[in-house]
Amino acid sequence: MTLDTGNRLKWPLIVAATLVVLRIVLEHLGAPESINNLLGVAWLHVLVPFYLAYQIQSAGSDRPYRALFKDLFLYTLYTRLMVLVTYWMAYLWQWQSPRFLLARGGNVGEGIGPFQGILVIPGRNLVVWIVMAMVVGMVLGSILLLIKRRGNRAAAAGAS
């Protein structure tokens, strides 16, 4: 991870880690599911691409799309690994929060063995979320890069 990437990812990862911990605490305190869903890191996969694209464009990267892909991949991987750990803990301690229950596609419930509960279901979620977040993130981030690039071209043409 380059220094620029590390600087760009620092705050989004801190926010993601905070939300992961906060959501677990609220789930255990019995907060309504609507509140817990609002505090999920899934929303960040829509917001962070704009932040990263803006930071990349502001830094004047010579390869902004490559930088966006790399930053998004690292952000998504680290964030989803944080969530993966929560699924491991949920299986080990049989947490009954709705997102972990078998009926909702989770890894806690009757008939879920260690192989499925620790490896298969969390691993499937990890891969699916990385792919989805990368597609959404690249589309959203690329739109912002394209808009800012056109704006910079227009400003440069107007100055000539």
N, C-alpha and C. Protein backbone atom coordinates (compact mmCIF):
# COMPACT_ATOMS: atom_id res chain seq x y z
N MET A 1 0.86 -1.16 0.00
CA MET A 1 0.00 0.00 0.00
C MET A 1 0.91 1.23 0.00
N THR A 2 0.75 2.08 -1.00
CA THR A 2 1.56 3.29 -1.07
C THR A 2 1.09 4.29 -0.03
N LEU A 3 1.92 5.30 0.17
CA LEU A 3 1.58 6.32 1.15
C LEU A 3 0.28 7.02 0.80
N ASP A 4 0.08 7.35 -0.49
CA ASP A 4 -1.16 8.01 -0.91
C ASP A 4 -2.37 7.12 -0.63
N THR A 5 -2.26 5.85 -0.98
CA THR A 5 -3.36 4.93 -0.75
C THR A 5 -3.66 4.82 0.74
N GLY A 6 -2.62 4.69 1.54
CA GLY A 6 -2.81 4.61 2.99
C GLY A 6 -3.49 5.83 3.55
N ASN A 7 -3.09 7.00 3.07
CA ASN A 7 -3.72 8.24 3.53
C ASN A 7 -5.17 8.32 3.11
N ARG A 8 -5.48 7.90 1.89
CA ARG A 8 -6.86 7.95 1.41
C ARG A 8 -7.74 6.95 2.14
N LEU A 9 -7.20 5.81 2.51
CA LEU A 9 -8.00 4.75 3.12
C LEU A 9 -8.14 4.88 4.63
N LYS A 10 -7.31 5.70 5.25
CA LYS A 10 -7.28 5.78 6.71
C LYS A 10 -8.66 6.07 7.30
N TRP A 11 -9.28 7.17 6.93
CA TRP A 11 -10.56 7.56 7.54
C TRP A 11 -11.71 6.67 7.13
N PRO A 12 -11.83 6.28 5.86
CA PRO A 12 -12.92 5.35 5.54
C PRO A 12 -12.83 4.03 6.32
N LEU A 13 -11.62 3.54 6.55
CA LEU A 13 -11.48 2.29 7.31
C LEU A 13 -11.76 2.50 8.79
N ILE A 14 -11.41 3.64 9.32
CA ILE A 14 -11.74 3.94 10.72
C ILE A 14 -13.26 4.01 10.89
N VAL A 15 -13.93 4.68 9.96
CA VAL A 15 -15.40 4.77 10.02
C VAL A 15 -16.01 3.37 9.89
N ALA A 16 -15.50 2.56 8.97
CA ALA A 16 -16.03 1.20 8.79
C ALA A 16 -15.85 0.37 10.06
N ALA A 17 -14.67 0.41 10.65
CA ALA A 17 -14.41 -0.35 11.88
C ALA A 17 -15.34 0.10 13.01
N THR A 18 -15.54 1.41 13.09
CA THR A 18 -16.44 1.94 14.12
C THR A 18 -17.86 1.44 13.92
N LEU A 19 -18.31 1.44 12.67
CA LEU A 19 -19.68 0.96 12.38
C LEU A 19 -19.82 -0.53 12.65
N VAL A 20 -18.80 -1.32 12.34
CA VAL A 20 -18.86 -2.76 12.60
C VAL A 20 -19.03 -3.01 14.09
N VAL A 21 -18.23 -2.34 14.91
CA VAL A 21 -18.31 -2.53 16.36
C VAL A 21 -19.64 -1.98 16.90
N LEU A 22 -20.03 -0.80 16.45
CA LEU A 22 -21.28 -0.19 16.91
C LEU A 22 -22.48 -1.06 16.58
N ARG A 23 -22.47 -1.64 15.39
CA ARG A 23 -23.60 -2.49 15.01
C ARG A 23 -23.68 -3.73 15.89
N ILE A 24 -22.56 -4.34 16.18
CA ILE A 24 -22.57 -5.52 17.05
C ILE A 24 -23.13 -5.16 18.42
N VAL A 25 -22.66 -4.04 18.97
CA VAL A 25 -23.13 -3.60 20.28
C VAL A 25 -24.63 -3.36 20.26
N LEU A 26 -25.11 -2.63 19.25
CA LEU A 26 -26.54 -2.33 19.17
C LEU A 26 -27.38 -3.59 18.96
N GLU A 27 -26.88 -4.52 18.15
CA GLU A 27 -27.61 -5.78 17.96
C GLU A 27 -27.75 -6.52 19.28
N HIS A 28 -26.70 -6.54 20.07
CA HIS A 28 -26.75 -7.23 21.35
C HIS A 28 -27.60 -6.49 22.39
N LEU A 29 -27.75 -5.20 22.20
CA LEU A 29 -28.61 -4.44 23.12
C LEU A 29 -30.07 -4.49 22.69
N GLY A 30 -30.35 -5.13 21.55
CA GLY A 30 -31.72 -5.28 21.10
C GLY A 30 -32.28 -4.12 20.31
N ALA A 31 -31.42 -3.35 19.67
CA ALA A 31 -31.89 -2.22 18.85
C ALA A 31 -32.72 -2.75 17.69
N PRO A 32 -33.68 -1.96 17.22
CA PRO A 32 -34.51 -2.39 16.08
C PRO A 32 -33.64 -2.69 14.85
N GLU A 33 -34.09 -3.63 14.07
CA GLU A 33 -33.33 -4.04 12.89
C GLU A 33 -33.15 -2.89 11.90
N SER A 34 -34.13 -1.98 11.83
CA SER A 34 -34.01 -0.84 10.92
C SER A 34 -32.81 0.04 11.30
N ILE A 35 -32.58 0.22 12.58
CA ILE A 35 -31.42 1.00 13.05
C ILE A 35 -30.13 0.24 12.73
N ASN A 36 -30.13 -1.05 13.00
CA ASN A 36 -28.93 -1.85 12.73
C ASN A 36 -28.58 -1.85 11.25
N ASN A 37 -29.59 -1.90 10.40
CA ASN A 37 -29.32 -1.88 8.95
C ASN A 37 -28.75 -0.54 8.50
N LEU A 38 -29.21 0.54 9.11
CA LEU A 38 -28.66 1.86 8.77
C LEU A 38 -27.20 1.98 9.16
N LEU A 39 -26.81 1.25 10.17
CA LEU A 39 -25.42 1.32 10.65
C LEU A 39 -24.52 0.26 10.03
N GLY A 40 -24.98 -0.39 8.98
CA GLY A 40 -24.15 -1.37 8.30
C GLY A 40 -23.12 -0.71 7.41
N VAL A 41 -22.06 -1.43 7.13
CA VAL A 41 -21.00 -0.89 6.27
C VAL A 41 -21.39 -0.94 4.79
N ALA A 42 -22.51 -1.57 4.46
CA ALA A 42 -22.93 -1.65 3.06
C ALA A 42 -23.12 -0.25 2.47
N TRP A 43 -23.64 0.68 3.26
CA TRP A 43 -23.85 2.05 2.77
C TRP A 43 -22.53 2.70 2.39
N LEU A 44 -21.49 2.34 3.09
CA LEU A 44 -20.18 2.94 2.79
C LEU A 44 -19.67 2.53 1.41
N HIS A 45 -20.10 1.37 0.93
CA HIS A 45 -19.66 0.93 -0.40
C HIS A 45 -20.27 1.80 -1.50
N VAL A 46 -21.26 2.61 -1.14
CA VAL A 46 -21.83 3.57 -2.09
C VAL A 46 -21.19 4.94 -1.92
N LEU A 47 -20.84 5.30 -0.70
CA LEU A 47 -20.31 6.63 -0.42
C LEU A 47 -18.80 6.74 -0.61
N VAL A 48 -18.07 5.74 -0.18
CA VAL A 48 -16.60 5.80 -0.21
C VAL A 48 -16.03 5.94 -1.62
N PRO A 49 -16.62 5.33 -2.65
CA PRO A 49 -16.06 5.55 -4.00
C PRO A 49 -16.01 7.02 -4.40
N PHE A 50 -17.01 7.80 -3.99
CA PHE A 50 -16.99 9.23 -4.30
C PHE A 50 -15.84 9.92 -3.56
N TYR A 51 -15.67 9.56 -2.30
CA TYR A 51 -14.58 10.13 -1.50
C TYR A 51 -13.23 9.79 -2.13
N LEU A 52 -13.04 8.52 -2.46
CA LEU A 52 -11.76 8.10 -3.04
C LEU A 52 -11.51 8.77 -4.39
N ALA A 53 -12.53 8.82 -5.23
CA ALA A 53 -12.37 9.46 -6.55
C ALA A 53 -12.01 10.92 -6.38
N TYR A 54 -12.66 11.61 -5.45
CA TYR A 54 -12.36 13.02 -5.21
C TYR A 54 -10.91 13.18 -4.74
N GLN A 55 -10.49 12.34 -3.82
CA GLN A 55 -9.12 12.42 -3.31
C GLN A 55 -8.09 12.12 -4.40
N ILE A 56 -8.38 11.14 -5.23
CA ILE A 56 -7.47 10.77 -6.32
C ILE A 56 -7.37 11.91 -7.32
N GLN A 57 -8.51 12.48 -7.67
CA GLN A 57 -8.53 13.59 -8.63
C GLN A 57 -7.81 14.81 -8.06
N SER A 58 -8.02 15.08 -6.79
CA SER A 58 -7.36 16.23 -6.15
C SER A 58 -5.85 16.05 -6.08
N ALA A 59 -5.42 14.81 -5.95
CA ALA A 59 -3.98 14.53 -5.88
C ALA A 59 -3.33 14.61 -7.26
N GLY A 60 -4.14 14.63 -8.31
CA GLY A 60 -3.60 14.72 -9.66
C GLY A 60 -2.92 13.45 -10.13
N SER A 61 -3.48 12.33 -9.79
CA SER A 61 -2.92 11.04 -10.20
C SER A 61 -2.86 10.93 -11.71
N ASP A 62 -1.74 10.39 -12.22
CA ASP A 62 -1.62 10.22 -13.66
C ASP A 62 -2.41 9.02 -14.17
N ARG A 63 -2.78 8.13 -13.30
CA ARG A 63 -3.62 6.97 -13.63
C ARG A 63 -4.76 6.87 -12.62
N PRO A 64 -5.73 7.75 -12.72
CA PRO A 64 -6.77 7.81 -11.68
C PRO A 64 -7.65 6.57 -11.61
N TYR A 65 -7.94 5.94 -12.74
CA TYR A 65 -8.82 4.76 -12.71
C TYR A 65 -8.11 3.57 -12.09
N ARG A 66 -6.84 3.44 -12.36
CA ARG A 66 -6.05 2.37 -11.74
C ARG A 66 -5.97 2.61 -10.23
N ALA A 67 -5.73 3.85 -9.83
CA ALA A 67 -5.65 4.18 -8.40
C ALA A 67 -7.00 3.92 -7.72
N LEU A 68 -8.09 4.30 -8.41
CA LEU A 68 -9.42 4.05 -7.86
C LEU A 68 -9.67 2.56 -7.68
N PHE A 69 -9.32 1.77 -8.67
CA PHE A 69 -9.52 0.32 -8.58
C PHE A 69 -8.73 -0.25 -7.40
N LYS A 70 -7.46 0.14 -7.30
CA LYS A 70 -6.61 -0.38 -6.22
C LYS A 70 -7.16 0.04 -4.86
N ASP A 71 -7.49 1.32 -4.71
CA ASP A 71 -8.00 1.80 -3.43
C ASP A 71 -9.33 1.14 -3.06
N LEU A 72 -10.21 1.03 -4.05
CA LEU A 72 -11.50 0.39 -3.79
C LEU A 72 -11.33 -1.07 -3.40
N PHE A 73 -10.43 -1.76 -4.10
CA PHE A 73 -10.22 -3.17 -3.79
C PHE A 73 -9.71 -3.32 -2.36
N LEU A 74 -8.71 -2.54 -1.99
CA LEU A 74 -8.16 -2.64 -0.64
C LEU A 74 -9.20 -2.26 0.41
N TYR A 75 -9.92 -1.18 0.16
CA TYR A 75 -10.96 -0.76 1.10
C TYR A 75 -12.02 -1.85 1.26
N THR A 76 -12.50 -2.37 0.14
CA THR A 76 -13.54 -3.39 0.17
C THR A 76 -13.03 -4.66 0.85
N LEU A 77 -11.83 -5.08 0.52
CA LEU A 77 -11.26 -6.28 1.13
C LEU A 77 -11.15 -6.12 2.65
N TYR A 78 -10.56 -5.02 3.09
CA TYR A 78 -10.39 -4.82 4.53
C TYR A 78 -11.73 -4.71 5.25
N THR A 79 -12.66 -4.00 4.65
CA THR A 79 -13.98 -3.84 5.27
C THR A 79 -14.70 -5.18 5.35
N ARG A 80 -14.69 -5.92 4.28
CA ARG A 80 -15.39 -7.20 4.28
C ARG A 80 -14.70 -8.22 5.19
N LEU A 81 -13.40 -8.11 5.37
CA LEU A 81 -12.72 -8.98 6.34
C LEU A 81 -13.16 -8.65 7.77
N MET A 82 -13.40 -7.36 8.04
CA MET A 82 -13.93 -6.99 9.36
C MET A 82 -15.29 -7.65 9.59
N VAL A 83 -16.12 -7.63 8.57
CA VAL A 83 -17.45 -8.23 8.67
C VAL A 83 -17.33 -9.75 8.78
N LEU A 84 -16.39 -10.35 8.06
CA LEU A 84 -16.16 -11.79 8.12
C LEU A 84 -15.89 -12.23 9.55
N VAL A 85 -15.10 -11.46 10.26
CA VAL A 85 -14.79 -11.79 11.66
C VAL A 85 -16.06 -11.80 12.50
N THR A 86 -16.99 -10.88 12.21
CA THR A 86 -18.24 -10.87 12.98
C THR A 86 -19.04 -12.15 12.72
N TYR A 87 -18.98 -12.67 11.50
CA TYR A 87 -19.68 -13.92 11.19
C TYR A 87 -19.02 -15.09 11.91
N TRP A 88 -17.71 -15.08 12.02
CA TRP A 88 -17.03 -16.13 12.78
C TRP A 88 -17.45 -16.08 14.25
N MET A 89 -17.46 -14.87 14.81
CA MET A 89 -17.87 -14.74 16.22
C MET A 89 -19.33 -15.16 16.39
N ALA A 90 -20.17 -14.78 15.44
CA ALA A 90 -21.59 -15.15 15.52
C ALA A 90 -21.75 -16.66 15.53
N TYR A 91 -20.99 -17.36 14.71
CA TYR A 91 -21.08 -18.82 14.68
C TYR A 91 -20.57 -19.42 15.99
N LEU A 92 -19.42 -18.95 16.42
CA LEU A 92 -18.82 -19.51 17.63
C LEU A 92 -19.68 -19.31 18.86
N TRP A 93 -20.33 -18.15 18.97
CA TRP A 93 -21.15 -17.84 20.15
C TRP A 93 -22.64 -17.93 19.86
N GLN A 94 -23.00 -18.39 18.65
CA GLN A 94 -24.40 -18.59 18.27
C GLN A 94 -25.26 -17.35 18.52
N TRP A 95 -24.79 -16.21 18.03
CA TRP A 95 -25.55 -14.97 18.15
C TRP A 95 -26.85 -15.10 17.38
N GLN A 96 -27.89 -14.54 17.93
CA GLN A 96 -29.22 -14.66 17.34
C GLN A 96 -29.69 -13.40 16.61
N SER A 97 -28.78 -12.54 16.26
CA SER A 97 -29.14 -11.35 15.48
C SER A 97 -29.66 -11.81 14.12
N PRO A 98 -30.69 -11.15 13.60
CA PRO A 98 -31.31 -11.60 12.35
C PRO A 98 -30.35 -11.81 11.18
N ARG A 99 -29.33 -10.97 11.03
CA ARG A 99 -28.45 -11.12 9.87
C ARG A 99 -27.60 -12.38 9.92
N PHE A 100 -27.46 -12.99 11.08
CA PHE A 100 -26.67 -14.20 11.21
C PHE A 100 -27.50 -15.48 11.14
N LEU A 101 -28.82 -15.36 11.16
CA LEU A 101 -29.67 -16.54 11.21
C LEU A 101 -29.74 -17.23 9.86
N LEU A 102 -29.81 -18.55 9.90
CA LEU A 102 -29.86 -19.37 8.70
C LEU A 102 -31.01 -18.98 7.79
N ALA A 103 -32.16 -18.66 8.36
CA ALA A 103 -33.33 -18.29 7.57
C ALA A 103 -33.07 -17.04 6.72
N ARG A 104 -32.10 -16.23 7.12
CA ARG A 104 -31.78 -15.00 6.38
C ARG A 104 -30.47 -15.14 5.60
N GLY A 105 -30.00 -16.38 5.43
CA GLY A 105 -28.75 -16.61 4.69
C GLY A 105 -27.51 -16.53 5.54
N GLY A 106 -27.69 -16.50 6.85
CA GLY A 106 -26.57 -16.40 7.77
C GLY A 106 -25.96 -17.76 8.10
N ASN A 107 -25.11 -17.75 9.08
CA ASN A 107 -24.37 -18.96 9.42
C ASN A 107 -24.68 -19.50 10.82
N VAL A 108 -25.80 -19.07 11.40
CA VAL A 108 -26.19 -19.54 12.73
C VAL A 108 -27.56 -20.20 12.61
N GLY A 109 -27.63 -21.43 13.07
CA GLY A 109 -28.91 -22.13 13.05
C GLY A 109 -28.74 -23.63 13.10
N GLU A 110 -29.85 -24.28 13.18
CA GLU A 110 -29.89 -25.74 13.24
C GLU A 110 -29.29 -26.35 11.97
N GLY A 111 -28.37 -27.26 12.13
CA GLY A 111 -27.82 -27.98 10.99
C GLY A 111 -26.61 -27.32 10.32
N ILE A 112 -26.15 -26.21 10.85
CA ILE A 112 -24.96 -25.56 10.29
C ILE A 112 -23.74 -26.09 11.04
N GLY A 113 -22.90 -26.80 10.32
CA GLY A 113 -21.69 -27.34 10.92
C GLY A 113 -20.55 -26.34 10.86
N PRO A 114 -19.43 -26.69 11.48
CA PRO A 114 -18.28 -25.78 11.51
C PRO A 114 -17.75 -25.41 10.11
N PHE A 115 -17.73 -26.37 9.19
CA PHE A 115 -17.21 -26.08 7.85
C PHE A 115 -18.05 -25.01 7.17
N GLN A 116 -19.38 -25.17 7.25
CA GLN A 116 -20.27 -24.17 6.66
C GLN A 116 -20.27 -22.87 7.46
N GLY A 117 -20.33 -22.98 8.76
CA GLY A 117 -20.47 -21.81 9.62
C GLY A 117 -19.24 -20.93 9.68
N ILE A 118 -18.07 -21.52 9.52
CA ILE A 118 -16.83 -20.75 9.62
C ILE A 118 -16.20 -20.47 8.26
N LEU A 119 -16.38 -21.38 7.32
CA LEU A 119 -15.68 -21.22 6.04
C LEU A 119 -16.61 -20.91 4.87
N VAL A 120 -17.58 -21.76 4.62
CA VAL A 120 -18.38 -21.66 3.39
C VAL A 120 -19.24 -20.40 3.36
N ILE A 121 -20.09 -20.21 4.35
CA ILE A 121 -21.03 -19.08 4.32
C ILE A 121 -20.30 -17.74 4.46
N PRO A 122 -19.40 -17.58 5.43
CA PRO A 122 -18.67 -16.30 5.48
C PRO A 122 -17.80 -16.07 4.24
N GLY A 123 -17.20 -17.13 3.71
CA GLY A 123 -16.38 -16.99 2.51
C GLY A 123 -17.20 -16.59 1.30
N ARG A 124 -18.38 -17.18 1.17
CA ARG A 124 -19.29 -16.82 0.07
C ARG A 124 -19.69 -15.36 0.18
N ASN A 125 -20.05 -14.93 1.40
CA ASN A 125 -20.42 -13.53 1.61
C ASN A 125 -19.26 -12.60 1.27
N LEU A 126 -18.06 -12.97 1.65
CA LEU A 126 -16.88 -12.16 1.37
C LEU A 126 -16.70 -11.96 -0.14
N VAL A 127 -16.75 -13.04 -0.88
CA VAL A 127 -16.54 -12.96 -2.34
C VAL A 127 -17.67 -12.18 -3.01
N VAL A 128 -18.90 -12.48 -2.67
CA VAL A 128 -20.04 -11.80 -3.29
C VAL A 128 -19.99 -10.30 -3.01
N TRP A 129 -19.72 -9.93 -1.76
CA TRP A 129 -19.68 -8.51 -1.41
C TRP A 129 -18.50 -7.79 -2.06
N ILE A 130 -17.37 -8.44 -2.18
CA ILE A 130 -16.22 -7.80 -2.84
C ILE A 130 -16.55 -7.53 -4.29
N VAL A 131 -17.12 -8.52 -4.98
CA VAL A 131 -17.46 -8.33 -6.39
C VAL A 131 -18.51 -7.23 -6.56
N MET A 132 -19.58 -7.29 -5.77
CA MET A 132 -20.64 -6.27 -5.88
C MET A 132 -20.12 -4.88 -5.55
N ALA A 133 -19.36 -4.77 -4.47
CA ALA A 133 -18.86 -3.45 -4.06
C ALA A 133 -17.87 -2.89 -5.07
N MET A 134 -17.09 -3.76 -5.70
CA MET A 134 -16.14 -3.28 -6.71
C MET A 134 -16.86 -2.78 -7.95
N VAL A 135 -17.88 -3.50 -8.38
CA VAL A 135 -18.63 -3.07 -9.57
C VAL A 135 -19.32 -1.73 -9.29
N VAL A 136 -20.04 -1.66 -8.18
CA VAL A 136 -20.74 -0.42 -7.83
C VAL A 136 -19.74 0.71 -7.61
N GLY A 137 -18.68 0.44 -6.88
CA GLY A 137 -17.68 1.46 -6.58
C GLY A 137 -16.97 1.99 -7.81
N MET A 138 -16.62 1.10 -8.74
CA MET A 138 -15.94 1.56 -9.95
C MET A 138 -16.87 2.38 -10.82
N VAL A 139 -18.13 2.00 -10.89
CA VAL A 139 -19.08 2.78 -11.69
C VAL A 139 -19.25 4.17 -11.07
N LEU A 140 -19.53 4.24 -9.78
CA LEU A 140 -19.76 5.52 -9.12
C LEU A 140 -18.50 6.39 -9.10
N GLY A 141 -17.39 5.80 -8.73
CA GLY A 141 -16.14 6.56 -8.69
C GLY A 141 -15.70 7.04 -10.06
N SER A 142 -15.90 6.20 -11.08
CA SER A 142 -15.52 6.58 -12.44
C SER A 142 -16.37 7.73 -12.95
N ILE A 143 -17.62 7.76 -12.57
CA ILE A 143 -18.49 8.87 -12.98
C ILE A 143 -17.94 10.18 -12.43
N LEU A 144 -17.56 10.18 -11.15
CA LEU A 144 -17.01 11.40 -10.56
C LEU A 144 -15.68 11.77 -11.22
N LEU A 145 -14.82 10.79 -11.46
CA LEU A 145 -13.55 11.08 -12.13
C LEU A 145 -13.79 11.68 -13.51
N LEU A 146 -14.74 11.12 -14.24
CA LEU A 146 -15.05 11.61 -15.58
C LEU A 146 -15.60 13.04 -15.53
N ILE A 147 -16.49 13.32 -14.61
CA ILE A 147 -17.06 14.66 -14.49
C ILE A 147 -15.97 15.68 -14.13
N LYS A 148 -15.14 15.33 -13.17
CA LYS A 148 -14.08 16.25 -12.76
C LYS A 148 -13.05 16.42 -13.88
N ARG A 149 -12.78 15.36 -14.64
CA ARG A 149 -11.82 15.44 -15.75
C ARG A 149 -12.34 16.39 -16.82
N ARG A 150 -13.62 16.28 -17.14
CA ARG A 150 -14.23 17.16 -18.14
C ARG A 150 -14.23 18.60 -17.65
N GLY A 151 -14.50 18.79 -16.37
CA GLY A 151 -14.47 20.13 -15.79
C GLY A 151 -13.08 20.73 -15.86
N ASN A 152 -12.06 19.93 -15.61
CA ASN A 152 -10.68 20.41 -15.69
C ASN A 152 -10.31 20.75 -17.13
N ARG A 153 -10.75 19.94 -18.08
CA ARG A 153 -10.49 20.24 -19.50
C ARG A 153 -11.15 21.54 -19.93
N ALA A 154 -12.40 21.71 -19.51
CA ALA A 154 -13.13 22.94 -19.88
C ALA A 154 -12.46 24.16 -19.27
N ALA A 155 -11.99 24.05 -18.03
CA ALA A 155 -11.30 25.16 -17.38
C ALA A 155 -9.99 25.46 -18.08
N ALA A 156 -9.27 24.42 -18.50
CA ALA A 156 -7.99 24.61 -19.20
C ALA A 156 -8.23 25.23 -20.57
N ALA A 157 -9.29 24.82 -21.27
CA ALA A 157 -9.60 25.37 -22.60
C ALA A 157 -10.03 26.83 -22.47
N GLY A 158 -10.74 27.16 -21.42
CA GLY A 158 -11.20 28.53 -21.20
C GLY A 158 -10.06 29.46 -20.85
N ALA A 159 -9.01 28.92 -20.22
CA ALA A 159 -7.86 29.74 -19.81
C ALA A 159 -6.94 30.02 -20.98
N SER A 160 -7.05 29.23 -22.04
CA SER A 160 -6.15 29.41 -23.20
C SER A 160 -6.53 30.56 -24.06
